[in-house]
Amino acid sequence: MATILIVDDEKQMRDLIRIMLQQEAHTTYGASNGQQALDILAQMDVDLLLLDVMMPEMDGFVVCQRIREQSNVPIIF
């Protein structure tokens, strides 16, 4: 199964997605902002990133650009 990072500033959305993915036996991590996502990616091997576009401080497009500087992990907005 896949390891998936869920990045969304809304906790309820992260929790809903996490529950659905874990029912399919995927491993999930959650981040509430772009910096947390970058920190997790620096420490963990992730197979897929689910990325919210509209986040405070660092939006999803900036996060995507920073990730692409170091990784080719698949990203779904």
PDB file of N, CA and C in Angstrom:
ATOM      1  N   MET A   1       0.837  -1.183   0.000  1.00  0.00           N
ATOM      2  CA  MET A   1       0.000   0.000   0.000  1.00  0.00           C
ATOM      3  C   MET A   1       0.886   1.253   0.000  1.00  0.00           C
ATOM      4  N   ALA A   2       0.271   2.385  -0.238  1.00  0.00           N
ATOM      5  CA  ALA A   2       0.998   3.640  -0.402  1.00  0.00           C
ATOM      6  C   ALA A   2       1.092   4.426   0.905  1.00  0.00           C
ATOM      7  N   THR A   3       2.123   5.246   0.977  1.00  0.00           N
ATOM      8  CA  THR A   3       2.272   6.222   2.051  1.00  0.00           C
ATOM      9  C   THR A   3       1.895   7.572   1.470  1.00  0.00           C
ATOM     10  N   ILE A   4       0.893   8.210   2.066  1.00  0.00           N
ATOM     11  CA  ILE A   4       0.306   9.422   1.495  1.00  0.00           C
ATOM     12  C   ILE A   4       0.355  10.556   2.507  1.00  0.00           C
ATOM     13  N   LEU A   5       0.827  11.708   2.051  1.00  0.00           N
ATOM     14  CA  LEU A   5       0.859  12.919   2.883  1.00  0.00           C
ATOM     15  C   LEU A   5      -0.318  13.799   2.487  1.00  0.00           C
ATOM     16  N   ILE A   6      -1.155  14.107   3.466  1.00  0.00           N
ATOM     17  CA  ILE A   6      -2.332  14.949   3.258  1.00  0.00           C
ATOM     18  C   ILE A   6      -2.010  16.336   3.803  1.00  0.00           C
ATOM     19  N   VAL A   7      -2.044  17.348   2.934  1.00  0.00           N
ATOM     20  CA  VAL A   7      -1.705  18.709   3.340  1.00  0.00           C
ATOM     21  C   VAL A   7      -2.931  19.586   3.144  1.00  0.00           C
ATOM     22  N   ASP A   8      -3.517  20.008   4.249  1.00  0.00           N
ATOM     23  CA  ASP A   8      -4.704  20.864   4.209  1.00  0.00           C
ATOM     24  C   ASP A   8      -4.778  21.614   5.534  1.00  0.00           C
ATOM     25  N   ASP A   9      -5.113  22.899   5.477  1.00  0.00           N
ATOM     26  CA  ASP A   9      -5.194  23.676   6.711  1.00  0.00           C
ATOM     27  C   ASP A   9      -6.474  23.385   7.495  1.00  0.00           C
ATOM     28  N   GLU A  10      -7.431  22.689   6.893  1.00  0.00           N
ATOM     29  CA  GLU A  10      -8.661  22.336   7.589  1.00  0.00           C
ATOM     30  C   GLU A  10      -8.542  20.927   8.170  1.00  0.00           C
ATOM     31  N   LYS A  11      -8.532  20.853   9.500  1.00  0.00           N
ATOM     32  CA  LYS A  11      -8.357  19.571  10.181  1.00  0.00           C
ATOM     33  C   LYS A  11      -9.447  18.572   9.808  1.00  0.00           C
ATOM     34  N   GLN A  12     -10.686  19.029   9.704  1.00  0.00           N
ATOM     35  CA  GLN A  12     -11.771  18.106   9.366  1.00  0.00           C
ATOM     36  C   GLN A  12     -11.554  17.462   7.997  1.00  0.00           C
ATOM     37  N   MET A  13     -11.041  18.224   7.049  1.00  0.00           N
ATOM     38  CA  MET A  13     -10.775  17.681   5.721  1.00  0.00           C
ATOM     39  C   MET A  13      -9.640  16.653   5.781  1.00  0.00           C
ATOM     40  N   ARG A  14      -8.562  16.993   6.513  1.00  0.00           N
ATOM     41  CA  ARG A  14      -7.456  16.034   6.675  1.00  0.00           C
ATOM     42  C   ARG A  14      -7.955  14.747   7.309  1.00  0.00           C
ATOM     43  N   ASP A  15      -8.766  14.874   8.347  1.00  0.00           N
ATOM     44  CA  ASP A  15      -9.265  13.695   9.056  1.00  0.00           C
ATOM     45  C   ASP A  15     -10.157  12.836   8.166  1.00  0.00           C
ATOM     46  N   LEU A  16     -11.029  13.459   7.394  1.00  0.00           N
ATOM     47  CA  LEU A  16     -11.912  12.715   6.505  1.00  0.00           C
ATOM     48  C   LEU A  16     -11.112  11.934   5.463  1.00  0.00           C
ATOM     49  N   ILE A  17     -10.160  12.589   4.839  1.00  0.00           N
ATOM     50  CA  ILE A  17      -9.328  11.928   3.831  1.00  0.00           C
ATOM     51  C   ILE A  17      -8.504  10.813   4.467  1.00  0.00           C
ATOM     52  N   ARG A  18      -7.944  11.084   5.655  1.00  0.00           N
ATOM     53  CA  ARG A  18      -7.145  10.079   6.366  1.00  0.00           C
ATOM     54  C   ARG A  18      -7.967   8.821   6.647  1.00  0.00           C
ATOM     55  N   ILE A  19      -9.179   8.999   7.145  1.00  0.00           N
ATOM     56  CA  ILE A  19     -10.040   7.858   7.463  1.00  0.00           C
ATOM     57  C   ILE A  19     -10.317   7.022   6.218  1.00  0.00           C
ATOM     58  N   MET A  20     -10.640   7.688   5.130  1.00  0.00           N
ATOM     59  CA  MET A  20     -10.943   6.970   3.889  1.00  0.00           C
ATOM     60  C   MET A  20      -9.731   6.203   3.371  1.00  0.00           C
ATOM     61  N   LEU A  21      -8.558   6.830   3.429  1.00  0.00           N
ATOM     62  CA  LEU A  21      -7.345   6.169   2.935  1.00  0.00           C
ATOM     63  C   LEU A  21      -6.904   5.028   3.841  1.00  0.00           C
ATOM     64  N   GLN A  22      -7.041   5.208   5.143  1.00  0.00           N
ATOM     65  CA  GLN A  22      -6.643   4.141   6.065  1.00  0.00           C
ATOM     66  C   GLN A  22      -7.573   2.934   5.956  1.00  0.00           C
ATOM     67  N   GLN A  23      -8.822   3.144   5.567  1.00  0.00           N
ATOM     68  CA  GLN A  23      -9.728   2.019   5.341  1.00  0.00           C
ATOM     69  C   GLN A  23      -9.251   1.151   4.182  1.00  0.00           C
ATOM     70  N   GLU A  24      -8.471   1.741   3.296  1.00  0.00           N
ATOM     71  CA  GLU A  24      -7.900   1.005   2.169  1.00  0.00           C
ATOM     72  C   GLU A  24      -6.467   0.553   2.463  1.00  0.00           C
ATOM     73  N   ALA A  25      -6.078   0.620   3.733  1.00  0.00           N
ATOM     74  CA  ALA A  25      -4.788   0.142   4.235  1.00  0.00           C
ATOM     75  C   ALA A  25      -3.592   1.004   3.826  1.00  0.00           C
ATOM     76  N   HIS A  26      -3.836   2.266   3.482  1.00  0.00           N
ATOM     77  CA  HIS A  26      -2.735   3.177   3.189  1.00  0.00           C
ATOM     78  C   HIS A  26      -2.215   3.784   4.483  1.00  0.00           C
ATOM     79  N   THR A  27      -0.939   4.104   4.504  1.00  0.00           N
ATOM     80  CA  THR A  27      -0.338   4.832   5.619  1.00  0.00           C
ATOM     81  C   THR A  27      -0.459   6.315   5.303  1.00  0.00           C
ATOM     82  N   THR A  28      -0.882   7.106   6.285  1.00  0.00           N
ATOM     83  CA  THR A  28      -1.065   8.532   6.042  1.00  0.00           C
ATOM     84  C   THR A  28      -0.321   9.375   7.064  1.00  0.00           C
ATOM     85  N   TYR A  29       0.102  10.538   6.590  1.00  0.00           N
ATOM     86  CA  TYR A  29       0.638  11.588   7.442  1.00  0.00           C
ATOM     87  C   TYR A  29      -0.160  12.841   7.128  1.00  0.00           C
ATOM     88  N   GLY A  30      -0.238  13.738   8.083  1.00  0.00           N
ATOM     89  CA  GLY A  30      -0.978  14.972   7.870  1.00  0.00           C
ATOM     90  C   GLY A  30      -0.129  16.187   8.180  1.00  0.00           C
ATOM     91  N   ALA A  31      -0.361  17.242   7.415  1.00  0.00           N
ATOM     92  CA  ALA A  31       0.304  18.527   7.643  1.00  0.00           C
ATOM     93  C   ALA A  31      -0.742  19.622   7.494  1.00  0.00           C
ATOM     94  N   SER A  32      -0.700  20.588   8.393  1.00  0.00           N
ATOM     95  CA  SER A  32      -1.691  21.666   8.364  1.00  0.00           C
ATOM     96  C   SER A  32      -1.208  22.894   7.606  1.00  0.00           C
ATOM     97  N   ASN A  33       0.053  22.874   7.179  1.00  0.00           N
ATOM     98  CA  ASN A  33       0.569  24.001   6.391  1.00  0.00           C
ATOM     99  C   ASN A  33       1.738  23.531   5.529  1.00  0.00           C
ATOM    100  N   GLY A  34       2.168  24.419   4.655  1.00  0.00           N
ATOM    101  CA  GLY A  34       3.217  24.067   3.714  1.00  0.00           C
ATOM    102  C   GLY A  34       4.543  23.730   4.358  1.00  0.00           C
ATOM    103  N   GLN A  35       4.916  24.472   5.379  1.00  0.00           N
ATOM    104  CA  GLN A  35       6.202  24.216   6.031  1.00  0.00           C
ATOM    105  C   GLN A  35       6.221  22.849   6.704  1.00  0.00           C
ATOM    106  N   GLN A  36       5.121  22.482   7.347  1.00  0.00           N
ATOM    107  CA  GLN A  36       5.034  21.145   7.940  1.00  0.00           C
ATOM    108  C   GLN A  36       5.174  20.070   6.869  1.00  0.00           C
ATOM    109  N   ALA A  37       4.555  20.296   5.723  1.00  0.00           N
ATOM    110  CA  ALA A  37       4.648  19.333   4.629  1.00  0.00           C
ATOM    111  C   ALA A  37       6.089  19.171   4.174  1.00  0.00           C
ATOM    112  N   LEU A  38       6.799  20.271   4.012  1.00  0.00           N
ATOM    113  CA  LEU A  38       8.199  20.209   3.595  1.00  0.00           C
ATOM    114  C   LEU A  38       9.051  19.487   4.631  1.00  0.00           C
ATOM    115  N   ASP A  39       8.771  19.739   5.902  1.00  0.00           N
ATOM    116  CA  ASP A  39       9.521  19.076   6.983  1.00  0.00           C
ATOM    117  C   ASP A  39       9.278  17.564   6.963  1.00  0.00           C
ATOM    118  N   ILE A  40       8.030  17.157   6.775  1.00  0.00           N
ATOM    119  CA  ILE A  40       7.710  15.731   6.737  1.00  0.00           C
ATOM    120  C   ILE A  40       8.381  15.076   5.535  1.00  0.00           C
ATOM    121  N   LEU A  41       8.316  15.740   4.390  1.00  0.00           N
ATOM    122  CA  LEU A  41       8.935  15.180   3.183  1.00  0.00           C
ATOM    123  C   LEU A  41      10.443  15.036   3.320  1.00  0.00           C
ATOM    124  N   ALA A  42      11.068  15.902   4.113  1.00  0.00           N
ATOM    125  CA  ALA A  42      12.507  15.813   4.331  1.00  0.00           C
ATOM    126  C   ALA A  42      12.874  14.604   5.194  1.00  0.00           C
ATOM    127  N   GLN A  43      11.911  14.097   5.970  1.00  0.00           N
ATOM    128  CA  GLN A  43      12.186  13.018   6.911  1.00  0.00           C
ATOM    129  C   GLN A  43      11.598  11.669   6.496  1.00  0.00           C
ATOM    130  N   MET A  44      10.552  11.679   5.671  1.00  0.00           N
ATOM    131  CA  MET A  44       9.812  10.460   5.355  1.00  0.00           C
ATOM    132  C   MET A  44       9.809  10.195   3.852  1.00  0.00           C
ATOM    133  N   ASP A  45       9.721   8.921   3.496  1.00  0.00           N
ATOM    134  CA  ASP A  45       9.481   8.545   2.107  1.00  0.00           C
ATOM    135  C   ASP A  45       7.971   8.531   1.886  1.00  0.00           C
ATOM    136  N   VAL A  46       7.522   9.341   0.952  1.00  0.00           N
ATOM    137  CA  VAL A  46       6.095   9.469   0.673  1.00  0.00           C
ATOM    138  C   VAL A  46       5.856   9.084  -0.782  1.00  0.00           C
ATOM    139  N   ASP A  47       4.796   8.309  -1.030  1.00  0.00           N
ATOM    140  CA  ASP A  47       4.467   7.863  -2.375  1.00  0.00           C
ATOM    141  C   ASP A  47       3.566   8.840  -3.122  1.00  0.00           C
ATOM    142  N   LEU A  48       2.781   9.624  -2.383  1.00  0.00           N
ATOM    143  CA  LEU A  48       1.817  10.530  -2.988  1.00  0.00           C
ATOM    144  C   LEU A  48       1.552  11.686  -2.042  1.00  0.00           C
ATOM    145  N   LEU A  49       1.352  12.864  -2.607  1.00  0.00           N
ATOM    146  CA  LEU A  49       1.044  14.061  -1.823  1.00  0.00           C
ATOM    147  C   LEU A  49      -0.310  14.590  -2.265  1.00  0.00           C
ATOM    148  N   LEU A  50      -1.239  14.737  -1.323  1.00  0.00           N
ATOM    149  CA  LEU A  50      -2.523  15.380  -1.582  1.00  0.00           C
ATOM    150  C   LEU A  50      -2.410  16.794  -1.020  1.00  0.00           C
ATOM    151  N   LEU A  51      -2.452  17.786  -1.888  1.00  0.00           N
ATOM    152  CA  LEU A  51      -2.061  19.149  -1.521  1.00  0.00           C
ATOM    153  C   LEU A  51      -3.188  20.140  -1.769  1.00  0.00           C
ATOM    154  N   ASP A  52      -3.579  20.844  -0.725  1.00  0.00           N
ATOM    155  CA  ASP A  52      -4.565  21.916  -0.824  1.00  0.00           C
ATOM    156  C   ASP A  52      -3.891  23.139  -1.451  1.00  0.00           C
ATOM    157  N   VAL A  53      -4.599  23.847  -2.300  1.00  0.00           N
ATOM    158  CA  VAL A  53      -4.042  25.052  -2.923  1.00  0.00           C
ATOM    159  C   VAL A  53      -4.151  26.252  -1.991  1.00  0.00           C
ATOM    160  N   MET A  54      -5.318  26.444  -1.406  1.00  0.00           N
ATOM    161  CA  MET A  54      -5.580  27.634  -0.597  1.00  0.00           C
ATOM    162  C   MET A  54      -5.218  27.394   0.871  1.00  0.00           C
ATOM    163  N   MET A  55      -3.996  27.785   1.230  1.00  0.00           N
ATOM    164  CA  MET A  55      -3.544  27.673   2.611  1.00  0.00           C
ATOM    165  C   MET A  55      -2.905  28.997   3.016  1.00  0.00           C
ATOM    166  N   PRO A  56      -2.965  29.332   4.295  1.00  0.00           N
ATOM    167  CA  PRO A  56      -2.319  30.568   4.741  1.00  0.00           C
ATOM    168  C   PRO A  56      -0.794  30.439   4.720  1.00  0.00           C
ATOM    169  N   GLU A  57      -0.118  31.551   4.691  1.00  0.00           N
ATOM    170  CA  GLU A  57       1.342  31.653   4.725  1.00  0.00           C
ATOM    171  C   GLU A  57       1.994  31.172   3.434  1.00  0.00           C
ATOM    172  N   MET A  58       1.878  29.907   3.103  1.00  0.00           N
ATOM    173  CA  MET A  58       2.504  29.344   1.907  1.00  0.00           C
ATOM    174  C   MET A  58       1.442  28.530   1.171  1.00  0.00           C
ATOM    175  N   ASP A  59       0.982  29.032   0.018  1.00  0.00           N
ATOM    176  CA  ASP A  59      -0.073  28.305  -0.689  1.00  0.00           C
ATOM    177  C   ASP A  59       0.471  27.045  -1.362  1.00  0.00           C
ATOM    178  N   GLY A  60      -0.438  26.233  -1.865  1.00  0.00           N
ATOM    179  CA  GLY A  60      -0.061  24.955  -2.442  1.00  0.00           C
ATOM    180  C   GLY A  60       0.876  25.059  -3.633  1.00  0.00           C
ATOM    181  N   PHE A  61       0.760  26.138  -4.415  1.00  0.00           N
ATOM    182  CA  PHE A  61       1.640  26.294  -5.579  1.00  0.00           C
ATOM    183  C   PHE A  61       3.091  26.523  -5.156  1.00  0.00           C
ATOM    184  N   VAL A  62       3.288  27.310  -4.108  1.00  0.00           N
ATOM    185  CA  VAL A  62       4.642  27.545  -3.592  1.00  0.00           C
ATOM    186  C   VAL A  62       5.206  26.256  -3.012  1.00  0.00           C
ATOM    187  N   VAL A  63       4.385  25.525  -2.273  1.00  0.00           N
ATOM    188  CA  VAL A  63       4.814  24.243  -1.716  1.00  0.00           C
ATOM    189  C   VAL A  63       5.227  23.304  -2.850  1.00  0.00           C
ATOM    190  N   CYS A  64       4.427  23.252  -3.886  1.00  0.00           N
ATOM    191  CA  CYS A  64       4.733  22.397  -5.030  1.00  0.00           C
ATOM    192  C   CYS A  64       6.071  22.778  -5.662  1.00  0.00           C
ATOM    193  N   GLN A  65       6.316  24.058  -5.847  1.00  0.00           N
ATOM    194  CA  GLN A  65       7.585  24.513  -6.424  1.00  0.00           C
ATOM    195  C   GLN A  65       8.763  24.086  -5.568  1.00  0.00           C
ATOM    196  N   ARG A  66       8.628  24.228  -4.264  1.00  0.00           N
ATOM    197  CA  ARG A  66       9.725  23.837  -3.362  1.00  0.00           C
ATOM    198  C   ARG A  66       9.950  22.327  -3.372  1.00  0.00           C
ATOM    199  N   ILE A  67       8.872  21.573  -3.434  1.00  0.00           N
ATOM    200  CA  ILE A  67       8.999  20.115  -3.493  1.00  0.00           C
ATOM    201  C   ILE A  67       9.704  19.700  -4.773  1.00  0.00           C
ATOM    202  N   ARG A  68       9.332  20.319  -5.879  1.00  0.00           N
ATOM    203  CA  ARG A  68       9.921  19.968  -7.172  1.00  0.00           C
ATOM    204  C   ARG A  68      11.419  20.269  -7.250  1.00  0.00           C
ATOM    205  N   GLU A  69      11.921  21.111  -6.386  1.00  0.00           N
ATOM    206  CA  GLU A  69      13.357  21.380  -6.341  1.00  0.00           C
ATOM    207  C   GLU A  69      14.139  20.165  -5.859  1.00  0.00           C
ATOM    208  N   GLN A  70      13.461  19.243  -5.153  1.00  0.00           N
ATOM    209  CA  GLN A  70      14.171  18.113  -4.573  1.00  0.00           C
ATOM    210  C   GLN A  70      13.518  16.754  -4.793  1.00  0.00           C
ATOM    211  N   SER A  71      12.288  16.730  -5.319  1.00  0.00           N
ATOM    212  CA  SER A  71      11.571  15.460  -5.407  1.00  0.00           C
ATOM    213  C   SER A  71      10.632  15.441  -6.609  1.00  0.00           C
ATOM    214  N   ASN A  72      10.363  14.239  -7.095  1.00  0.00           N
ATOM    215  CA  ASN A  72       9.389  14.029  -8.163  1.00  0.00           C
ATOM    216  C   ASN A  72       8.165  13.269  -7.644  1.00  0.00           C
ATOM    217  N   VAL A  73       7.921  13.330  -6.345  1.00  0.00           N
ATOM    218  CA  VAL A  73       6.768  12.643  -5.768  1.00  0.00           C
ATOM    219  C   VAL A  73       5.506  13.122  -6.484  1.00  0.00           C
ATOM    220  N   PRO A  74       4.582  12.210  -6.814  1.00  0.00           N
ATOM    221  CA  PRO A  74       3.327  12.620  -7.446  1.00  0.00           C
ATOM    222  C   PRO A  74       2.529  13.539  -6.510  1.00  0.00           C
ATOM    223  N   ILE A  75       1.940  14.585  -7.088  1.00  0.00           N
ATOM    224  CA  ILE A  75       1.153  15.551  -6.312  1.00  0.00           C
ATOM    225  C   ILE A  75      -0.218  15.687  -6.951  1.00  0.00           C
ATOM    226  N   ILE A  76      -1.246  15.597  -6.119  1.00  0.00           N
ATOM    227  CA  ILE A  76      -2.616  15.863  -6.548  1.00  0.00           C
ATOM    228  C   ILE A  76      -3.086  17.083  -5.771  1.00  0.00           C
ATOM    229  N   PHE A  77      -3.558  18.085  -6.507  1.00  0.00           N
ATOM    230  CA  PHE A  77      -4.119  19.291  -5.861  1.00  0.00           C
ATOM    231  C   PHE A  77      -5.578  19.080  -5.591  1.00  0.00           C
TER     232      PHE A  77
END
